[in-house]
């Protein structure tokens, strides 16, 4: 059975301010592949909805009635509920931040925030989850990329449309290639206008040049990039890989 990339992440909002709930919902659903499936105005109701709705991700406030965000996250972990948490709060004190991070918060966003900050977090989450959705991680280097959400995530890029356009799936990847790294390679190429050498790609993603070349060679074989040799006035020619914007570009 083919193992496909998760196409929809279900999000639960646990926030007592109706206006902030609506802002969060609008910002989240602007990102393809994320949908708000439930709202809770306090931690106790949030715990009930986690068990009922089985969300992938929670946006959790700290200052709430009945059960605050710190206690809610502690209960989520003590109950071993399989859900990830993004803290969205006005709390800036370092003790609260440390406590939430100790309990495994994926990110911590301070109110007020901009839409770009929410999108940045969701794209980081998408990249990390893509890597963890695979059967296995090929190398320590690739695991480091997943855990650290490096260059592509820092730039808050959106590699998914290119990746999905070509209908790539995990079962199609040769042994040793990882989908999360592949998405970051595509993201870095888009970020630089779709034309990069293996060395530039490696530097942008944060992997070895030989590793970058393996991913680029795979993309070339799939017709997603093409290899173009650039001849300069002096020295050896430079091999650059060009991202094909349309599927019929390579026909």
C-alpha atoms as a PDB file:
ATOM      1  CA  UNK A   1       0.000   0.000   0.000  1.00  0.00           C
ATOM      2  CA  UNK A   2       1.398   3.402  -0.984  1.00  0.00           C
ATOM      3  CA  UNK A   3       2.163   5.787   1.821  1.00  0.00           C
ATOM      4  CA  UNK A   4       1.015   9.253   0.731  1.00  0.00           C
ATOM      5  CA  UNK A   5       1.901  12.640   2.146  1.00  0.00           C
ATOM      6  CA  UNK A   6      -0.661  13.873   4.665  1.00  0.00           C
ATOM      7  CA  UNK A   7      -2.759  16.341   2.679  1.00  0.00           C
ATOM      8  CA  UNK A   8      -4.833  17.919   5.462  1.00  0.00           C
ATOM      9  CA  UNK A   9      -3.820  18.951   8.976  1.00  0.00           C
ATOM     10  CA  UNK A  10      -6.738  19.335  11.402  1.00  0.00           C
ATOM     11  CA  UNK A  11      -6.357  22.229  13.852  1.00  0.00           C
ATOM     12  CA  UNK A  12      -8.139  22.865  17.150  1.00  0.00           C
ATOM     13  CA  UNK A  13      -8.221  26.405  18.617  1.00  0.00           C
ATOM     14  CA  UNK A  14      -8.200  26.674  22.407  1.00  0.00           C
ATOM     15  CA  UNK A  15      -8.689  30.394  23.051  1.00  0.00           C
ATOM     16  CA  UNK A  16     -11.165  32.300  25.235  1.00  0.00           C
ATOM     17  CA  UNK A  17     -11.336  35.507  23.143  1.00  0.00           C
ATOM     18  CA  UNK A  18     -13.861  35.098  20.281  1.00  0.00           C
ATOM     19  CA  UNK A  19     -12.163  37.808  18.227  1.00  0.00           C
ATOM     20  CA  UNK A  20      -8.767  36.115  18.496  1.00  0.00           C
ATOM     21  CA  UNK A  21     -10.409  32.779  17.688  1.00  0.00           C
ATOM     22  CA  UNK A  22     -11.727  34.209  14.434  1.00  0.00           C
ATOM     23  CA  UNK A  23      -8.417  35.887  13.516  1.00  0.00           C
ATOM     24  CA  UNK A  24      -6.551  32.646  14.170  1.00  0.00           C
ATOM     25  CA  UNK A  25      -9.038  30.668  12.108  1.00  0.00           C
ATOM     26  CA  UNK A  26      -8.770  33.053   9.148  1.00  0.00           C
ATOM     27  CA  UNK A  27      -4.961  33.110   9.258  1.00  0.00           C
ATOM     28  CA  UNK A  28      -4.669  29.320   9.577  1.00  0.00           C
ATOM     29  CA  UNK A  29      -7.066  28.533   6.757  1.00  0.00           C
ATOM     30  CA  UNK A  30      -5.186  30.834   4.386  1.00  0.00           C
ATOM     31  CA  UNK A  31      -2.515  28.119   4.316  1.00  0.00           C
ATOM     32  CA  UNK A  32      -3.297  25.206   2.007  1.00  0.00           C
ATOM     33  CA  UNK A  33      -3.685  21.928   3.834  1.00  0.00           C
ATOM     34  CA  UNK A  34      -4.732  23.342   7.230  1.00  0.00           C
ATOM     35  CA  UNK A  35      -8.320  23.417   8.491  1.00  0.00           C
ATOM     36  CA  UNK A  36      -9.770  24.493  11.839  1.00  0.00           C
ATOM     37  CA  UNK A  37     -12.063  21.689  12.982  1.00  0.00           C
ATOM     38  CA  UNK A  38     -13.027  22.927  16.447  1.00  0.00           C
ATOM     39  CA  UNK A  39     -13.071  25.805  18.936  1.00  0.00           C
ATOM     40  CA  UNK A  40     -12.763  25.722  22.728  1.00  0.00           C
ATOM     41  CA  UNK A  41     -12.869  28.680  25.114  1.00  0.00           C
ATOM     42  CA  UNK A  42     -11.015  26.953  27.965  1.00  0.00           C
ATOM     43  CA  UNK A  43      -8.621  24.117  28.617  1.00  0.00           C
ATOM     44  CA  UNK A  44     -11.178  21.661  29.966  1.00  0.00           C
ATOM     45  CA  UNK A  45     -13.289  21.928  26.831  1.00  0.00           C
ATOM     46  CA  UNK A  46     -10.123  21.753  24.776  1.00  0.00           C
ATOM     47  CA  UNK A  47      -9.197  18.391  26.315  1.00  0.00           C
ATOM     48  CA  UNK A  48     -12.664  17.048  25.544  1.00  0.00           C
ATOM     49  CA  UNK A  49     -12.406  18.162  21.911  1.00  0.00           C
ATOM     50  CA  UNK A  50      -8.938  16.662  21.504  1.00  0.00           C
ATOM     51  CA  UNK A  51     -10.338  13.245  22.361  1.00  0.00           C
ATOM     52  CA  UNK A  52     -13.472  13.805  20.276  1.00  0.00           C
ATOM     53  CA  UNK A  53     -12.022  15.414  17.131  1.00  0.00           C
ATOM     54  CA  UNK A  54      -8.500  13.911  17.070  1.00  0.00           C
ATOM     55  CA  UNK A  55      -6.787  17.053  15.714  1.00  0.00           C
ATOM     56  CA  UNK A  56      -3.180  17.053  14.495  1.00  0.00           C
ATOM     57  CA  UNK A  57      -2.356  20.468  15.923  1.00  0.00           C
ATOM     58  CA  UNK A  58      -3.647  22.780  18.664  1.00  0.00           C
ATOM     59  CA  UNK A  59      -3.313  26.555  18.914  1.00  0.00           C
ATOM     60  CA  UNK A  60      -3.309  27.045  22.685  1.00  0.00           C
ATOM     61  CA  UNK A  61      -3.698  30.234  24.725  1.00  0.00           C
ATOM     62  CA  UNK A  62      -2.244  30.539  28.240  1.00  0.00           C
ATOM     63  CA  UNK A  63      -4.631  32.889  30.065  1.00  0.00           C
ATOM     64  CA  UNK A  64      -8.009  31.096  30.106  1.00  0.00           C
ATOM     65  CA  UNK A  65     -10.716  30.269  32.663  1.00  0.00           C
ATOM     66  CA  UNK A  66     -11.359  26.774  34.064  1.00  0.00           C
ATOM     67  CA  UNK A  67      -7.951  25.421  33.015  1.00  0.00           C
ATOM     68  CA  UNK A  68      -5.125  27.639  31.814  1.00  0.00           C
ATOM     69  CA  UNK A  69      -2.788  26.825  28.951  1.00  0.00           C
ATOM     70  CA  UNK A  70       0.099  25.597  31.094  1.00  0.00           C
ATOM     71  CA  UNK A  71      -2.093  23.120  32.967  1.00  0.00           C
ATOM     72  CA  UNK A  72      -3.808  22.110  29.733  1.00  0.00           C
ATOM     73  CA  UNK A  73      -0.527  21.259  28.018  1.00  0.00           C
ATOM     74  CA  UNK A  74       0.648  19.350  31.095  1.00  0.00           C
ATOM     75  CA  UNK A  75      -2.541  17.261  30.994  1.00  0.00           C
ATOM     76  CA  UNK A  76      -2.180  16.666  27.273  1.00  0.00           C
ATOM     77  CA  UNK A  77       1.253  15.160  27.917  1.00  0.00           C
ATOM     78  CA  UNK A  78       0.242  13.202  31.033  1.00  0.00           C
ATOM     79  CA  UNK A  79      -2.691  11.721  29.093  1.00  0.00           C
ATOM     80  CA  UNK A  80      -0.337  10.880  26.178  1.00  0.00           C
ATOM     81  CA  UNK A  81      -2.677  12.525  23.680  1.00  0.00           C
ATOM     82  CA  UNK A  82      -1.116  12.335  20.194  1.00  0.00           C
ATOM     83  CA  UNK A  83      -1.338  16.006  19.247  1.00  0.00           C
ATOM     84  CA  UNK A  84       1.133  18.831  18.623  1.00  0.00           C
ATOM     85  CA  UNK A  85       0.783  22.254  20.235  1.00  0.00           C
ATOM     86  CA  UNK A  86       1.498  25.823  19.157  1.00  0.00           C
ATOM     87  CA  UNK A  87       1.222  28.304  22.030  1.00  0.00           C
ATOM     88  CA  UNK A  88      -0.361  31.644  21.026  1.00  0.00           C
ATOM     89  CA  UNK A  89      -0.471  34.030  23.974  1.00  0.00           C
ATOM     90  CA  UNK A  90       0.317  37.451  25.395  1.00  0.00           C
ATOM     91  CA  UNK A  91       2.463  35.822  28.100  1.00  0.00           C
ATOM     92  CA  UNK A  92       6.073  36.974  27.652  1.00  0.00           C
ATOM     93  CA  UNK A  93       7.646  35.852  30.916  1.00  0.00           C
ATOM     94  CA  UNK A  94      10.493  33.405  30.473  1.00  0.00           C
ATOM     95  CA  UNK A  95       9.177  30.958  33.073  1.00  0.00           C
ATOM     96  CA  UNK A  96       5.961  30.443  31.107  1.00  0.00           C
ATOM     97  CA  UNK A  97       7.915  30.108  27.872  1.00  0.00           C
ATOM     98  CA  UNK A  98      10.282  27.556  29.436  1.00  0.00           C
ATOM     99  CA  UNK A  99       7.400  25.569  30.923  1.00  0.00           C
ATOM    100  CA  UNK A 100       5.581  25.344  27.596  1.00  0.00           C
ATOM    101  CA  UNK A 101       8.728  24.343  25.744  1.00  0.00           C
ATOM    102  CA  UNK A 102       9.587  21.729  28.385  1.00  0.00           C
ATOM    103  CA  UNK A 103       6.200  20.191  27.722  1.00  0.00           C
ATOM    104  CA  UNK A 104       6.864  19.917  24.021  1.00  0.00           C
ATOM    105  CA  UNK A 105       5.286  22.994  22.431  1.00  0.00           C
ATOM    106  CA  UNK A 106       6.174  23.070  18.740  1.00  0.00           C
ATOM    107  CA  UNK A 107       6.262  26.876  18.689  1.00  0.00           C
ATOM    108  CA  UNK A 108       5.489  29.884  20.877  1.00  0.00           C
ATOM    109  CA  UNK A 109       3.853  32.951  19.301  1.00  0.00           C
ATOM    110  CA  UNK A 110       3.405  36.173  21.270  1.00  0.00           C
ATOM    111  CA  UNK A 111       0.305  38.320  20.753  1.00  0.00           C
ATOM    112  CA  UNK A 112      -0.164  40.553  18.872  1.00  0.00           C
ATOM    113  CA  UNK A 113       1.229  38.771  15.830  1.00  0.00           C
ATOM    114  CA  UNK A 114       1.236  39.156  12.068  1.00  0.00           C
ATOM    115  CA  UNK A 115      -0.282  36.721   9.598  1.00  0.00           C
ATOM    116  CA  UNK A 116       3.191  35.939   8.248  1.00  0.00           C
ATOM    117  CA  UNK A 117       4.224  34.579  11.644  1.00  0.00           C
ATOM    118  CA  UNK A 118       1.341  32.108  11.659  1.00  0.00           C
ATOM    119  CA  UNK A 119       2.095  31.036   8.098  1.00  0.00           C
ATOM    120  CA  UNK A 120       5.773  30.603   8.983  1.00  0.00           C
ATOM    121  CA  UNK A 121       4.889  28.254  11.837  1.00  0.00           C
ATOM    122  CA  UNK A 122       2.494  26.186   9.743  1.00  0.00           C
ATOM    123  CA  UNK A 123       5.030  25.754   6.939  1.00  0.00           C
ATOM    124  CA  UNK A 124       7.660  24.672   9.467  1.00  0.00           C
ATOM    125  CA  UNK A 125       5.165  22.175  10.823  1.00  0.00           C
ATOM    126  CA  UNK A 126       4.343  20.894   7.345  1.00  0.00           C
ATOM    127  CA  UNK A 127       8.028  20.342   6.515  1.00  0.00           C
ATOM    128  CA  UNK A 128       8.716  18.549   9.786  1.00  0.00           C
ATOM    129  CA  UNK A 129       5.663  16.331   9.510  1.00  0.00           C
ATOM    130  CA  UNK A 130       6.468  15.447   5.897  1.00  0.00           C
ATOM    131  CA  UNK A 131       9.794  14.029   7.033  1.00  0.00           C
ATOM    132  CA  UNK A 132       8.262  12.124   9.938  1.00  0.00           C
ATOM    133  CA  UNK A 133       5.523  10.696   7.698  1.00  0.00           C
ATOM    134  CA  UNK A 134       8.051   8.651   5.762  1.00  0.00           C
ATOM    135  CA  UNK A 135       8.827   5.023   6.561  1.00  0.00           C
ATOM    136  CA  UNK A 136      12.286   5.950   7.834  1.00  0.00           C
ATOM    137  CA  UNK A 137      14.860   8.722   7.867  1.00  0.00           C
ATOM    138  CA  UNK A 138      17.846   7.944   5.666  1.00  0.00           C
ATOM    139  CA  UNK A 139      20.665   9.748   7.463  1.00  0.00           C
ATOM    140  CA  UNK A 140      21.483  11.773  10.563  1.00  0.00           C
ATOM    141  CA  UNK A 141      21.846  14.778   8.293  1.00  0.00           C
ATOM    142  CA  UNK A 142      18.262  14.408   7.089  1.00  0.00           C
ATOM    143  CA  UNK A 143      16.977  13.931  10.632  1.00  0.00           C
ATOM    144  CA  UNK A 144      18.806  17.099  11.663  1.00  0.00           C
ATOM    145  CA  UNK A 145      16.993  18.960   8.896  1.00  0.00           C
ATOM    146  CA  UNK A 146      13.642  17.662  10.073  1.00  0.00           C
ATOM    147  CA  UNK A 147      14.309  18.470  13.721  1.00  0.00           C
ATOM    148  CA  UNK A 148      15.770  21.889  13.130  1.00  0.00           C
ATOM    149  CA  UNK A 149      13.509  22.997  10.249  1.00  0.00           C
ATOM    150  CA  UNK A 150      16.414  24.841   8.740  1.00  0.00           C
ATOM    151  CA  UNK A 151      16.772  27.135   5.753  1.00  0.00           C
ATOM    152  CA  UNK A 152      13.481  26.526   3.960  1.00  0.00           C
ATOM    153  CA  UNK A 153      11.491  26.853   7.171  1.00  0.00           C
ATOM    154  CA  UNK A 154      13.400  29.943   8.318  1.00  0.00           C
ATOM    155  CA  UNK A 155      12.432  31.691   5.095  1.00  0.00           C
ATOM    156  CA  UNK A 156       8.794  30.628   5.543  1.00  0.00           C
ATOM    157  CA  UNK A 157       8.697  29.374   1.999  1.00  0.00           C
ATOM    158  CA  UNK A 158       5.816  27.325   0.636  1.00  0.00           C
ATOM    159  CA  UNK A 159       7.252  24.385  -1.278  1.00  0.00           C
ATOM    160  CA  UNK A 160       4.097  22.280  -1.246  1.00  0.00           C
ATOM    161  CA  UNK A 161       2.535  23.524  -4.505  1.00  0.00           C
ATOM    162  CA  UNK A 162       5.591  22.509  -6.575  1.00  0.00           C
ATOM    163  CA  UNK A 163       5.855  19.191  -4.767  1.00  0.00           C
ATOM    164  CA  UNK A 164       2.163  18.379  -5.188  1.00  0.00           C
ATOM    165  CA  UNK A 165       2.034  19.535  -8.812  1.00  0.00           C
ATOM    166  CA  UNK A 166       4.223  16.615  -9.832  1.00  0.00           C
ATOM    167  CA  UNK A 167       2.309  14.088  -7.692  1.00  0.00           C
ATOM    168  CA  UNK A 168       5.426  12.862  -5.912  1.00  0.00           C
ATOM    169  CA  UNK A 169       4.822  10.314  -3.165  1.00  0.00           C
ATOM    170  CA  UNK A 170       7.064   8.605  -0.664  1.00  0.00           C
ATOM    171  CA  UNK A 171       6.887   5.210  -2.291  1.00  0.00           C
ATOM    172  CA  UNK A 172       8.394   6.741  -5.456  1.00  0.00           C
ATOM    173  CA  UNK A 173      11.545   7.943  -3.735  1.00  0.00           C
ATOM    174  CA  UNK A 174      14.684   5.813  -4.102  1.00  0.00           C
ATOM    175  CA  UNK A 175      16.142   4.386  -0.915  1.00  0.00           C
ATOM    176  CA  UNK A 176      18.159   7.006   0.931  1.00  0.00           C
ATOM    177  CA  UNK A 177      16.101   9.980  -0.291  1.00  0.00           C
ATOM    178  CA  UNK A 178      13.774  11.707   2.133  1.00  0.00           C
ATOM    179  CA  UNK A 179      10.645  13.661   1.167  1.00  0.00           C
ATOM    180  CA  UNK A 180      11.233  16.476   3.669  1.00  0.00           C
ATOM    181  CA  UNK A 181      14.697  17.122   2.248  1.00  0.00           C
ATOM    182  CA  UNK A 182      13.325  16.893  -1.288  1.00  0.00           C
ATOM    183  CA  UNK A 183      10.744  19.564  -0.473  1.00  0.00           C
ATOM    184  CA  UNK A 184      13.452  21.809   0.935  1.00  0.00           C
ATOM    185  CA  UNK A 185      15.552  21.372  -2.204  1.00  0.00           C
ATOM    186  CA  UNK A 186      12.565  22.476  -4.293  1.00  0.00           C
ATOM    187  CA  UNK A 187      11.874  25.350  -1.903  1.00  0.00           C
ATOM    188  CA  UNK A 188      15.441  26.649  -2.106  1.00  0.00           C
ATOM    189  CA  UNK A 189      15.355  26.423  -5.905  1.00  0.00           C
ATOM    190  CA  UNK A 190      12.138  28.449  -6.032  1.00  0.00           C
ATOM    191  CA  UNK A 191      13.568  30.957  -3.601  1.00  0.00           C
ATOM    192  CA  UNK A 192      16.507  31.566  -5.960  1.00  0.00           C
ATOM    193  CA  UNK A 193      14.553  31.810  -9.175  1.00  0.00           C
ATOM    194  CA  UNK A 194      14.642  28.132 -10.069  1.00  0.00           C
ATOM    195  CA  UNK A 195      18.271  28.006 -11.234  1.00  0.00           C
ATOM    196  CA  UNK A 196      20.999  26.666  -8.949  1.00  0.00           C
ATOM    197  CA  UNK A 197      24.127  24.548  -9.028  1.00  0.00           C
ATOM    198  CA  UNK A 198      24.452  21.523  -6.772  1.00  0.00           C
ATOM    199  CA  UNK A 199      26.870  23.488  -4.586  1.00  0.00           C
ATOM    200  CA  UNK A 200      24.461  26.430  -4.192  1.00  0.00           C
ATOM    201  CA  UNK A 201      21.580  24.069  -3.469  1.00  0.00           C
ATOM    202  CA  UNK A 202      23.619  22.258  -0.816  1.00  0.00           C
ATOM    203  CA  UNK A 203      24.493  25.536   0.865  1.00  0.00           C
ATOM    204  CA  UNK A 204      20.885  26.751   0.789  1.00  0.00           C
ATOM    205  CA  UNK A 205      19.432  23.580   2.278  1.00  0.00           C
ATOM    206  CA  UNK A 206      22.320  22.839   4.632  1.00  0.00           C
ATOM    207  CA  UNK A 207      23.370  19.446   3.261  1.00  0.00           C
ATOM    208  CA  UNK A 208      26.493  18.052   1.630  1.00  0.00           C
ATOM    209  CA  UNK A 209      27.051  18.764  -2.066  1.00  0.00           C
ATOM    210  CA  UNK A 210      27.037  15.073  -2.952  1.00  0.00           C
ATOM    211  CA  UNK A 211      23.684  14.716  -1.173  1.00  0.00           C
ATOM    212  CA  UNK A 212      22.247  17.715  -3.001  1.00  0.00           C
ATOM    213  CA  UNK A 213      23.386  16.247  -6.319  1.00  0.00           C
ATOM    214  CA  UNK A 214      21.531  12.978  -5.563  1.00  0.00           C
ATOM    215  CA  UNK A 215      18.286  14.874  -5.041  1.00  0.00           C
ATOM    216  CA  UNK A 216      18.823  17.042  -8.120  1.00  0.00           C
ATOM    217  CA  UNK A 217      19.650  14.013 -10.264  1.00  0.00           C
ATOM    218  CA  UNK A 218      16.451  12.362  -9.074  1.00  0.00           C
ATOM    219  CA  UNK A 219      14.435  15.471  -9.957  1.00  0.00           C
ATOM    220  CA  UNK A 220      16.082  15.567 -13.377  1.00  0.00           C
ATOM    221  CA  UNK A 221      15.111  11.950 -14.036  1.00  0.00           C
ATOM    222  CA  UNK A 222      11.539  12.790 -13.053  1.00  0.00           C
ATOM    223  CA  UNK A 223      11.475  15.745 -15.460  1.00  0.00           C
ATOM    224  CA  UNK A 224      11.068  18.312 -12.687  1.00  0.00           C
ATOM    225  CA  UNK A 225      14.404  20.027 -13.299  1.00  0.00           C
ATOM    226  CA  UNK A 226      16.760  20.021 -16.263  1.00  0.00           C
ATOM    227  CA  UNK A 227      20.536  20.191 -16.293  1.00  0.00           C
ATOM    228  CA  UNK A 228      22.009  23.134 -18.217  1.00  0.00           C
ATOM    229  CA  UNK A 229      25.745  23.586 -18.731  1.00  0.00           C
ATOM    230  CA  UNK A 230      26.910  27.209 -18.452  1.00  0.00           C
ATOM    231  CA  UNK A 231      30.187  28.065 -20.164  1.00  0.00           C
ATOM    232  CA  UNK A 232      32.082  31.055 -18.836  1.00  0.00           C
ATOM    233  CA  UNK A 233      35.047  32.847 -20.271  1.00  0.00           C
ATOM    234  CA  UNK A 234      37.546  31.241 -17.906  1.00  0.00           C
ATOM    235  CA  UNK A 235      37.619  27.930 -16.042  1.00  0.00           C
ATOM    236  CA  UNK A 236      35.447  24.863 -16.110  1.00  0.00           C
ATOM    237  CA  UNK A 237      31.778  25.028 -17.179  1.00  0.00           C
ATOM    238  CA  UNK A 238      29.204  25.169 -14.393  1.00  0.00           C
ATOM    239  CA  UNK A 239      26.334  22.695 -14.251  1.00  0.00           C
ATOM    240  CA  UNK A 240      23.108  24.349 -13.157  1.00  0.00           C
ATOM    241  CA  UNK A 241      19.752  22.764 -12.522  1.00  0.00           C
ATOM    242  CA  UNK A 242      16.686  24.656 -13.720  1.00  0.00           C
ATOM    243  CA  UNK A 243      13.272  24.100 -12.193  1.00  0.00           C
ATOM    244  CA  UNK A 244      10.620  23.470 -14.851  1.00  0.00           C
ATOM    245  CA  UNK A 245       7.594  25.624 -14.132  1.00  0.00           C
ATOM    246  CA  UNK A 246       5.212  23.594 -16.264  1.00  0.00           C
ATOM    247  CA  UNK A 247       5.061  19.856 -16.813  1.00  0.00           C
ATOM    248  CA  UNK A 248       5.212  20.344 -20.573  1.00  0.00           C
ATOM    249  CA  UNK A 249       8.428  22.382 -20.358  1.00  0.00           C
ATOM    250  CA  UNK A 250      10.465  19.217 -20.682  1.00  0.00           C
ATOM    251  CA  UNK A 251       8.509  17.636 -23.520  1.00  0.00           C
END
